[in-house]
Protein backbone atom coordinates (compact mmCIF):
# COMPACT_ATOMS: atom_id res chain seq x y z
CA MET A 1 11.33 184.39 223.26
CA LEU A 2 10.98 181.11 225.14
CA GLY A 3 9.98 183.02 228.25
CA LEU A 4 7.16 184.69 226.33
CA ASP A 5 6.00 181.30 225.03
CA ILE A 6 5.91 179.91 228.56
CA LEU A 7 4.05 182.95 229.83
CA LYS A 8 1.49 182.69 227.03
CA PHE A 9 1.02 178.94 227.68
CA VAL A 10 0.58 179.43 231.43
CA ASN A 11 -1.78 182.38 231.05
CA THR A 12 -3.94 180.53 228.52
CA HIS A 13 -4.25 177.45 230.72
CA LEU A 14 -4.78 179.51 233.88
CA ARG A 15 -7.75 181.21 232.22
CA THR A 16 -9.07 177.76 231.31
CA ASN A 17 -8.48 176.63 234.90
CA LEU A 18 -10.44 179.58 236.26
CA ALA A 19 -13.30 178.94 233.84
CA LEU A 20 -13.42 175.32 235.02
CA ALA A 21 -12.73 175.97 238.69
CA TRP A 22 -15.32 178.56 239.67
CA PRO A 23 -18.34 176.41 238.70
CA LEU A 24 -16.65 173.42 240.34
CA ALA A 25 -16.06 175.46 243.49
CA ILE A 26 -19.68 176.59 243.61
CA ASN A 27 -20.72 172.98 242.93
CA VAL A 28 -18.71 171.90 245.96
CA LEU A 29 -20.17 174.67 248.11
CA LEU A 30 -23.67 173.67 247.11
CA VAL A 31 -23.07 169.92 247.59
CA GLN A 32 -21.56 170.38 251.02
CA SER A 33 -24.19 172.96 251.92
CA MET A 34 -26.84 170.24 251.56
CA LEU A 35 -25.48 168.45 254.63
CA MET A 36 -24.78 171.78 256.32
CA ILE A 37 -28.37 172.92 255.72
CA ASP A 38 -29.67 169.68 257.20
CA THR A 39 -27.33 170.09 260.18
CA LEU A 40 -28.46 173.67 260.80
CA LEU A 41 -32.11 172.69 260.49
CA VAL A 42 -31.81 169.60 262.68
CA ALA A 43 -29.59 171.19 265.39
CA PRO A 44 -32.56 172.78 267.27
CA LEU A 45 -34.13 169.29 267.59
CA GLY A 46 -31.44 168.28 270.10
CA GLU A 47 -28.22 166.27 270.34
CA VAL A 48 -29.79 162.85 269.64
CA PRO A 49 -31.10 163.79 266.14
CA VAL A 50 -27.80 165.52 265.30
CA ALA A 51 -25.78 162.47 266.38
CA ALA A 52 -28.15 160.16 264.46
CA MET A 53 -27.78 162.21 261.30
CA GLY A 54 -23.98 162.22 261.68
CA ILE A 55 -23.85 158.41 261.92
CA ALA A 56 -26.31 157.92 259.05
CA ALA A 57 -24.38 160.37 256.86
CA ALA A 58 -21.14 158.47 257.54
CA ILE A 59 -22.79 155.17 256.52
CA LEU A 60 -24.18 156.64 253.31
CA ALA A 61 -20.78 158.17 252.56
CA PHE A 62 -19.37 154.68 251.96
CA ALA A 63 -21.61 154.20 248.92
CA LEU A 64 -21.52 157.80 247.78
CA GLY A 65 -17.75 157.77 248.15
CA ILE A 66 -17.45 154.83 245.76
CA GLU A 67 -19.70 156.58 243.25
CA LEU A 68 -17.72 159.80 243.56
CA ALA A 69 -14.47 157.88 243.13
CA ILE A 70 -15.67 156.17 239.95
CA GLY A 71 -16.93 159.52 238.69
CA ASN A 72 -13.51 161.11 239.18
CA GLY A 73 -11.92 158.30 237.19
CA ILE A 74 -14.44 158.83 234.38
CA GLN A 75 -13.86 162.58 234.52
CA LEU A 76 -10.18 162.32 233.64
CA LEU A 77 -10.86 159.78 230.87
CA VAL A 78 -13.51 162.06 229.41
CA GLY A 79 -11.11 165.00 229.58
CA ARG A 80 -8.42 163.06 227.71
CA ALA A 81 -10.89 161.83 225.06
CA TYR A 82 -12.38 165.29 224.66
CA GLY A 83 -8.94 166.85 224.24
CA ALA A 84 -8.11 164.28 221.56
CA ASN A 85 -11.56 164.78 219.91
CA LYS A 86 -12.42 161.05 220.21
CA SER A 87 -16.20 161.06 220.49
CA ALA A 88 -16.51 157.25 220.63
CA ASP A 89 -14.22 157.13 223.67
CA LEU A 90 -16.42 159.75 225.36
CA VAL A 91 -19.50 157.59 224.88
CA VAL A 92 -17.78 154.40 226.06
CA ALA A 93 -16.51 156.13 229.21
CA PHE A 94 -20.04 157.35 230.01
CA TRP A 95 -21.77 153.97 229.63
CA VAL A 96 -19.07 151.95 231.38
CA GLY A 97 -19.12 154.41 234.27
CA LEU A 98 -22.92 154.32 234.47
CA PHE A 99 -22.99 150.52 234.50
CA VAL A 100 -20.34 150.28 237.22
CA ASN A 101 -21.94 152.99 239.36
CA LEU A 102 -25.42 151.49 239.14
CA PHE A 103 -24.08 148.03 239.98
CA THR A 104 -22.30 149.48 243.03
CA ALA A 105 -25.42 151.38 244.12
CA VAL A 106 -27.72 148.37 243.86
CA ALA A 107 -25.26 146.19 245.80
CA PHE A 108 -24.97 148.72 248.61
CA PHE A 109 -28.74 149.27 248.70
CA ALA A 110 -29.28 145.53 249.09
CA ILE A 111 -26.73 145.31 251.91
CA LEU A 112 -28.21 148.29 253.71
CA SER A 113 -31.75 146.95 253.33
CA GLY A 114 -30.84 143.51 254.67
CA PHE A 115 -28.32 144.34 257.39
CA ASP A 116 -29.15 147.89 258.51
CA ASP A 117 -29.96 146.81 262.09
CA ASP A 118 -26.62 145.05 262.51
CA ILE A 119 -24.63 147.89 260.93
CA VAL A 120 -26.19 150.59 263.10
CA ALA A 121 -25.97 148.48 266.28
CA ALA A 122 -22.23 148.12 265.70
CA LEU A 123 -21.80 151.89 265.54
CA THR A 124 -23.80 153.11 268.52
CA SER A 125 -24.99 151.65 271.81
CA ASN A 126 -27.50 154.45 272.41
CA PRO A 127 -31.01 153.02 271.72
CA ALA A 128 -32.52 156.46 271.03
CA VAL A 129 -29.78 157.33 268.53
CA GLU A 130 -29.99 153.88 266.93
CA GLN A 131 -33.73 154.19 266.29
CA ARG A 132 -33.34 157.62 264.70
CA VAL A 133 -30.45 156.43 262.49
CA LEU A 134 -32.56 153.56 261.16
CA SER A 135 -35.47 155.88 260.39
CA TYR A 136 -33.20 158.32 258.57
CA LEU A 137 -31.47 155.57 256.57
CA GLY A 138 -34.79 154.01 255.62
CA ILE A 139 -35.45 157.10 253.51
CA THR A 140 -32.01 158.32 252.42
CA LYS A 141 -30.75 154.94 251.17
CA TYR A 142 -32.69 155.62 247.95
CA ILE A 143 -30.39 158.59 247.33
CA VAL A 144 -27.62 156.09 246.57
CA ILE A 145 -29.47 154.75 243.52
CA ILE A 146 -30.27 158.18 242.10
CA THR A 147 -26.79 159.57 242.74
CA ALA A 148 -25.24 156.73 240.72
CA PHE A 149 -26.75 158.37 237.64
CA THR A 150 -26.17 162.02 238.56
CA GLN A 151 -22.53 161.42 239.48
CA VAL A 152 -21.75 159.97 236.04
CA CYS A 153 -23.50 162.92 234.38
CA THR A 154 -21.49 165.31 236.53
CA ALA A 155 -18.21 163.60 235.62
CA PHE A 156 -19.14 163.55 231.92
CA TYR A 157 -19.85 167.28 231.71
CA ASN A 158 -16.94 168.28 233.98
CA GLY A 159 -14.53 166.22 231.87
CA ARG A 160 -15.74 168.03 228.75
CA GLY A 161 -15.15 171.36 230.46
CA ASP A 162 -18.89 172.12 230.71
CA THR A 163 -18.81 172.69 234.46
CA LYS A 164 -21.64 175.23 234.23
CA VAL A 165 -24.05 172.43 233.29
CA THR A 166 -23.42 170.65 236.60
CA LEU A 167 -23.59 173.97 238.44
CA LYS A 168 -27.14 174.58 237.18
CA GLY A 169 -28.17 171.17 238.50
CA TYR A 170 -27.00 172.05 242.00
CA LEU A 171 -28.67 175.46 241.78
CA ILE A 172 -31.93 173.57 241.34
CA GLU A 173 -31.29 170.95 243.99
CA ILE A 174 -29.93 172.88 246.95
CA PRO A 175 -32.53 175.66 247.41
CA LEU A 176 -35.31 173.10 247.00
CA ASN A 177 -33.63 170.88 249.57
CA ALA A 178 -33.48 173.75 252.08
CA ILE A 179 -37.10 174.80 251.58
CA LEU A 180 -38.56 171.29 251.52
CA SER A 181 -36.51 170.13 254.50
CA TYR A 182 -37.55 173.10 256.61
CA PHE A 183 -41.27 172.56 256.09
CA LEU A 184 -40.99 168.79 256.37
CA ILE A 185 -39.01 169.03 259.62
CA TYR A 186 -41.12 171.67 261.36
CA GLY A 187 -44.45 171.45 259.57
CA VAL A 188 -46.59 174.07 257.81
CA GLY A 189 -50.10 175.41 258.17
CA GLY A 190 -50.76 173.83 261.53
CA ASN A 191 -49.58 170.39 260.38
CA ALA A 192 -46.92 168.80 262.57
CA GLY A 193 -43.46 168.30 261.08
CA LEU A 194 -41.66 164.99 260.69
CA GLY A 195 -38.50 166.00 262.53
CA LEU A 196 -35.33 164.21 261.40
CA GLU A 197 -37.25 162.13 258.86
CA GLY A 198 -38.37 165.38 257.24
CA ALA A 199 -34.74 166.29 256.53
CA ALA A 200 -34.26 162.89 254.89
CA LEU A 201 -37.35 163.32 252.67
CA GLY A 202 -36.29 166.82 251.67
CA SER A 203 -32.85 165.60 250.58
CA LEU A 204 -34.27 162.64 248.66
CA THR A 205 -36.75 164.82 246.77
CA ALA A 206 -34.10 167.38 245.87
CA VAL A 207 -31.70 164.71 244.57
CA PHE A 208 -34.50 163.24 242.45
CA LEU A 209 -35.19 166.65 240.89
CA ARG A 210 -31.50 167.01 240.01
CA ALA A 211 -31.59 163.63 238.29
CA THR A 212 -34.62 164.82 236.33
CA TYR A 213 -32.66 167.92 235.28
CA PHE A 214 -29.73 165.83 233.98
CA THR A 215 -32.10 163.57 232.06
CA GLY A 216 -33.55 166.59 230.30
CA VAL A 217 -30.11 168.04 229.58
CA LEU A 218 -28.82 164.82 228.00
CA LEU A 219 -31.93 164.51 225.83
CA LEU A 220 -31.91 168.15 224.65
CA ASP A 221 -28.17 168.87 224.37
CA LYS A 222 -27.40 168.69 220.63
CA ARG A 223 -23.65 168.57 221.32
CA VAL A 224 -23.99 165.25 223.14
CA HIS A 225 -24.62 161.99 221.29
CA LEU A 226 -24.63 159.01 223.63
CA ARG A 227 -25.63 156.26 221.20
CA TYR A 228 -23.22 153.44 221.94
CA PRO A 229 -20.69 152.94 219.08
CA ARG A 230 -20.84 149.81 216.96
CA GLY A 231 -17.95 147.39 217.04
CA ARG A 232 -17.10 148.12 220.68
CA PRO A 233 -19.17 145.72 222.81
CA LEU A 234 -19.65 146.89 226.38
CA HIS A 235 -18.34 143.68 227.95
CA ALA A 236 -15.15 143.94 225.88
CA GLU A 237 -14.61 147.59 226.82
CA MET A 238 -15.25 147.00 230.51
CA GLY A 239 -11.80 145.59 231.27
CA PRO A 240 -9.66 148.26 229.52
CA GLN A 241 -11.85 151.08 230.84
CA LEU A 242 -11.78 149.76 234.41
CA ALA A 243 -8.00 149.34 234.20
CA GLU A 244 -7.78 153.11 233.80
CA ILE A 245 -10.72 154.11 235.99
CA LEU A 246 -10.04 151.94 239.04
CA PRO A 247 -6.60 153.30 240.07
CA ILE A 248 -8.00 156.84 239.87
CA ALA A 249 -11.22 155.81 241.59
CA ALA A 250 -9.33 153.95 244.29
CA ASN A 251 -7.48 157.17 245.22
CA PHE A 252 -10.72 159.02 245.83
CA PHE A 253 -12.32 156.00 247.48
CA VAL A 254 -9.50 155.66 249.99
CA LEU A 255 -9.77 159.33 250.99
CA PHE A 256 -13.55 159.62 250.97
CA ILE A 257 -14.15 156.40 252.86
CA GLY A 258 -11.27 157.19 255.20
CA ALA A 259 -13.03 160.42 256.18
CA SER A 260 -16.17 158.41 256.92
CA VAL A 261 -14.22 155.94 259.06
CA TYR A 262 -12.78 158.86 261.00
CA GLN A 263 -16.31 160.08 261.68
CA LEU A 264 -17.46 156.62 262.77
CA LEU A 265 -14.50 156.42 265.16
CA PHE A 266 -15.33 159.87 266.51
CA ALA A 267 -18.85 158.53 267.18
CA GLN A 268 -17.29 156.49 269.99
CA LEU A 269 -16.27 159.66 271.86
CA ALA A 270 -18.51 161.41 274.36
CA LEU A 271 -21.78 162.57 272.82
CA SER A 272 -20.88 166.26 273.10
CA SER A 273 -17.53 165.66 271.36
CA PHE A 274 -19.14 163.75 268.51
CA VAL A 275 -21.86 166.38 268.09
CA ALA A 276 -19.15 169.07 267.90
CA ILE A 277 -17.36 167.16 265.15
CA THR A 278 -20.64 166.54 263.32
CA LEU A 279 -21.37 170.27 263.40
CA ILE A 280 -17.92 171.23 262.14
CA PHE A 281 -17.49 168.56 259.43
CA PRO A 282 -19.73 170.20 256.78
CA TRP A 283 -17.81 173.47 257.14
CA LEU A 284 -14.49 171.63 257.05
CA ARG A 285 -15.51 169.82 253.88
CA ILE A 286 -16.58 173.09 252.25
CA GLY A 287 -13.29 174.79 253.05
CA THR A 288 -11.04 172.00 251.86
CA GLN A 289 -13.19 171.08 248.86
CA VAL A 290 -13.09 174.65 247.52
CA ILE A 291 -9.34 174.12 247.18
CA SER A 292 -10.05 170.70 245.69
CA ALA A 293 -12.15 172.40 242.99
CA TRP A 294 -9.02 174.24 241.82
CA ALA A 295 -7.10 170.95 241.98
CA GLN A 296 -9.74 169.14 239.89
CA ALA A 297 -9.79 171.96 237.33
CA SER A 298 -6.00 171.65 237.05
CA ALA A 299 -6.30 167.89 236.51
CA ILE A 300 -9.00 168.28 233.82
CA ASN A 301 -6.92 170.94 232.08
CA ILE A 302 -3.81 168.76 232.15
CA SER A 303 -5.78 165.73 230.88
CA GLN A 304 -7.07 167.73 227.93
CA ALA A 305 -3.54 169.02 227.24
CA LEU A 306 -2.24 165.45 227.22
CA GLY A 307 -5.06 164.46 224.89
CA ASN A 308 -4.17 167.12 222.31
CA ASN A 309 -0.41 166.82 222.99
CA THR A 310 0.26 170.43 224.09
CA THR A 311 2.57 169.79 227.04
CA GLN A 312 5.72 171.71 226.16
CA HIS A 313 5.46 174.14 229.10
CA LEU A 314 3.47 171.96 231.48
CA ALA A 315 6.00 172.20 234.33
CA ALA A 316 5.60 175.98 234.56
CA PHE A 317 1.83 175.66 234.57
CA VAL A 318 1.93 173.06 237.37
CA SER A 319 4.14 175.32 239.48
CA VAL A 320 1.65 178.19 239.20
CA CYS A 321 -1.26 175.85 240.02
CA ILE A 322 0.44 174.72 243.23
CA ARG A 323 1.25 178.27 244.34
CA THR A 324 -2.34 179.33 243.69
CA ALA A 325 -3.63 176.39 245.75
CA LEU A 326 -1.39 177.40 248.66
CA GLY A 327 -2.77 180.94 248.53
CA LEU A 328 -6.32 179.60 248.58
CA SER A 329 -5.44 177.34 251.52
CA LEU A 330 -4.18 180.26 253.59
CA ALA A 331 -7.33 182.23 252.79
CA VAL A 332 -9.51 179.32 253.93
CA ALA A 333 -7.53 179.02 257.17
CA VAL A 334 -8.17 182.72 257.90
CA LEU A 335 -11.89 182.24 257.24
CA PHE A 336 -11.94 179.25 259.59
CA PHE A 337 -10.34 181.40 262.30
CA ILE A 338 -13.08 184.02 261.83
CA PHE A 339 -15.68 181.25 261.86
CA SER A 340 -14.35 179.94 265.19
CA GLN A 341 -14.91 183.37 266.78
CA PHE A 342 -18.60 183.41 265.82
CA ILE A 343 -19.51 179.77 266.46
CA GLN A 344 -22.02 180.63 269.20
CA PHE A 345 -23.97 182.86 266.81
CA ILE A 346 -24.04 180.19 264.10
CA TYR A 347 -25.19 177.44 266.50
CA PRO A 348 -27.02 179.33 269.29
CA ASN A 349 -29.01 176.49 270.86
CA ILE A 350 -26.52 173.73 271.62
CA GLU A 351 -25.25 172.43 274.95
CA PRO A 352 -22.33 174.16 276.80
CA ALA A 353 -20.29 170.94 276.63
CA THR A 354 -20.57 171.00 272.83
CA TYR A 355 -19.34 174.63 272.73
CA ALA A 356 -16.36 173.59 274.86
CA ALA A 357 -15.58 170.71 272.47
CA LEU A 358 -15.74 173.07 269.47
CA SER A 359 -13.21 175.36 271.17
CA VAL A 360 -10.84 172.44 271.80
CA ILE A 361 -10.62 171.43 268.14
CA ALA A 362 -10.59 174.98 266.70
CA PRO A 363 -6.75 175.22 266.25
CA LEU A 364 -6.78 171.88 264.41
CA TYR A 365 -9.52 172.63 261.91
CA ILE A 366 -7.92 176.03 261.24
CA LEU A 367 -4.58 174.34 260.41
CA LEU A 368 -6.00 171.45 258.39
CA PRO A 369 -6.81 173.22 255.07
CA ILE A 370 -3.26 174.58 254.75
CA VAL A 371 -1.60 171.15 254.54
CA ARG A 372 -4.58 169.46 252.87
CA GLY A 373 -4.72 172.08 250.10
CA TYR A 374 -1.14 171.43 248.97
CA ASN A 375 -1.63 167.68 249.06
CA SER A 376 -4.90 167.90 247.12
CA VAL A 377 -3.53 169.85 244.17
CA SER A 378 -0.36 167.74 244.02
CA ALA A 379 -2.34 164.50 244.08
CA ASN A 380 -4.74 165.62 241.33
CA ILE A 381 -1.88 166.76 239.12
CA LEU A 382 -0.03 163.46 239.57
CA ARG A 383 -3.19 161.49 238.72
CA ALA A 384 -3.64 163.49 235.53
CA LEU A 385 0.00 162.76 234.65
CA GLY A 386 -0.58 159.02 234.97
CA GLU A 387 0.74 158.49 238.51
CA SER A 388 -2.52 157.31 240.08
CA LYS A 389 -0.95 154.15 241.53
CA ARG A 390 1.83 156.10 243.24
CA VAL A 391 -0.71 158.52 244.75
CA LEU A 392 -2.92 155.61 245.83
CA LYS A 393 -0.02 153.92 247.58
CA LEU A 394 0.84 157.10 249.51
CA HIS A 395 -2.76 157.69 250.58
CA PHE A 396 -3.28 154.07 251.56
CA VAL A 397 -0.12 153.79 253.64
CA THR A 398 -0.49 157.08 255.50
CA GLN A 399 -4.23 156.81 256.12
CA TRP A 400 -5.13 153.13 256.37
CA LEU A 401 -1.87 151.67 257.70
CA ILE A 402 -0.85 154.52 260.00
CA SER A 403 -3.42 157.21 260.82
CA LEU A 404 -6.70 155.28 261.09
CA PRO A 405 -5.21 152.41 263.18
CA VAL A 406 -3.57 154.95 265.52
CA CYS A 407 -6.84 156.87 265.79
CA ALA A 408 -8.76 153.65 266.54
CA VAL A 409 -6.32 152.61 269.26
CA LEU A 410 -6.35 156.06 270.87
CA ILE A 411 -10.15 156.28 270.94
CA LEU A 412 -11.16 152.67 271.60
CA TYR A 413 -8.41 151.59 274.01
CA CYS A 414 -6.59 154.64 275.38
CA ASP A 415 -9.58 156.88 276.13
CA VAL A 416 -7.67 159.77 274.57
CA SER A 417 -8.92 163.37 274.73
CA LEU A 418 -10.88 164.95 271.88
CA PHE A 419 -7.93 167.16 270.90
CA TRP A 420 -5.54 164.27 270.26
CA ALA A 421 -8.18 162.14 268.55
CA PHE A 422 -8.99 164.94 266.09
CA ALA A 423 -5.27 165.84 265.72
CA ILE A 424 -4.65 162.60 263.81
CA MET A 425 -6.25 164.16 260.70
CA PRO A 426 -3.80 167.08 260.28
CA ILE A 427 -0.92 164.79 261.31
CA GLU A 428 -1.88 162.44 258.46
CA GLU A 429 -1.75 165.32 255.97
CA LEU A 430 1.68 166.40 257.24
CA LEU A 431 2.98 162.86 256.66
CA LYS A 432 1.99 163.14 252.99
CA THR A 433 3.31 166.61 252.20
CA PHE A 434 7.02 165.83 251.78
CA HIS A 435 6.32 162.82 249.59
CA PHE A 436 3.91 164.72 247.34
CA TYR A 437 6.52 167.43 246.83
CA ARG A 438 9.17 164.85 245.95
CA TYR A 439 6.94 162.84 243.58
CA THR A 440 5.74 165.94 241.72
CA ARG A 441 9.27 167.23 241.18
CA MET A 442 10.49 163.81 240.03
CA LYS A 443 7.71 163.46 237.47
CA LEU A 444 8.06 166.95 236.03
CA ASP A 445 11.87 166.91 235.94
CA SER A 446 11.98 163.52 234.19
CA GLU A 447 9.28 164.07 231.53
CA TYR A 448 8.33 167.74 231.21
């Protein structure tokens, strides 16, 4: 009889996971496709615009990474409050998250406005690339302010399990971004295009329209009441909320910003090598983030189960989640292999040296999603189970104390080849895998 109870519990939560995961997966595909669309549209302009966009995107990722990290912390708090049916906690999490995200965005915007020349000069010594980066950042830095709002809305609805609401927002943003960017880059009706700056304007306009969509949804959604509760002053709630948000946020911040630092280090390689990595990164993010969508759905599901105290068969559910993530990882690796065979058809107008660089790193980006997929689902599950600090420590040690310093030394001082520079990323993931397995088993065996 117990076996039937476990099976029923797992099947029920797997159906919930699937309902949460497929909109999240499409969200991820659409988000990452925004950069991919810009890359595809800008690639015919030449290597200098592509390199400039890669550097500018890495700079912006610092701020967007912080906002995403805070949003993921809010998402799990919202999931727990929603599972426990505590509407006041939902509202507090939303407003605290919005305040923190807006404060972060304004601070970064001020830094970028005042020190953009110095920041860009430290990242590239190519005057042509530097000028294009500054032009691109001059427009796209406003995205940081708008995304502070949309990221909190995304986390709020995802945490409630309403992932289709966020999906609709991306379905508005991404097609408009593609259409606007194309005409702004290349022109229309005999009018000359703006080139790289056109891609920046297209992205900014599309993000603004998504923010407009979320504003309308919050105002019209009768299930959502965001009037701040009496007796819970915001300044008093800030500390307790941040105590829960920050460890979760720090996990995502370490990973997201670490990926940006990798890209900035790769910018010090030969131009053809960096262009190859810039071209492959959007696809790599899509592949690994699809697996992450399943991992996030698992974490939301577990948070809601903790909130309503239905955890009697949680260990069995976690085991199935991990096996499913491994299956997805293998499927993504196969798709990456197929992708590597058709790279010349996807990017037909790039330099031969860039094609050669793409061939060099192909085995590495095919391997990467297999190890990263397991680590992603394990990390999200551990965060949902209250082990954010343990996960943070593992990510910080392996990435910031080992992998990034080694990568910096190899690129900046040892003049290492592209293969070994890029190989640091899958090596980092392999360092984490054993520890994630051990931590997950320890937590489940001791409490569930």
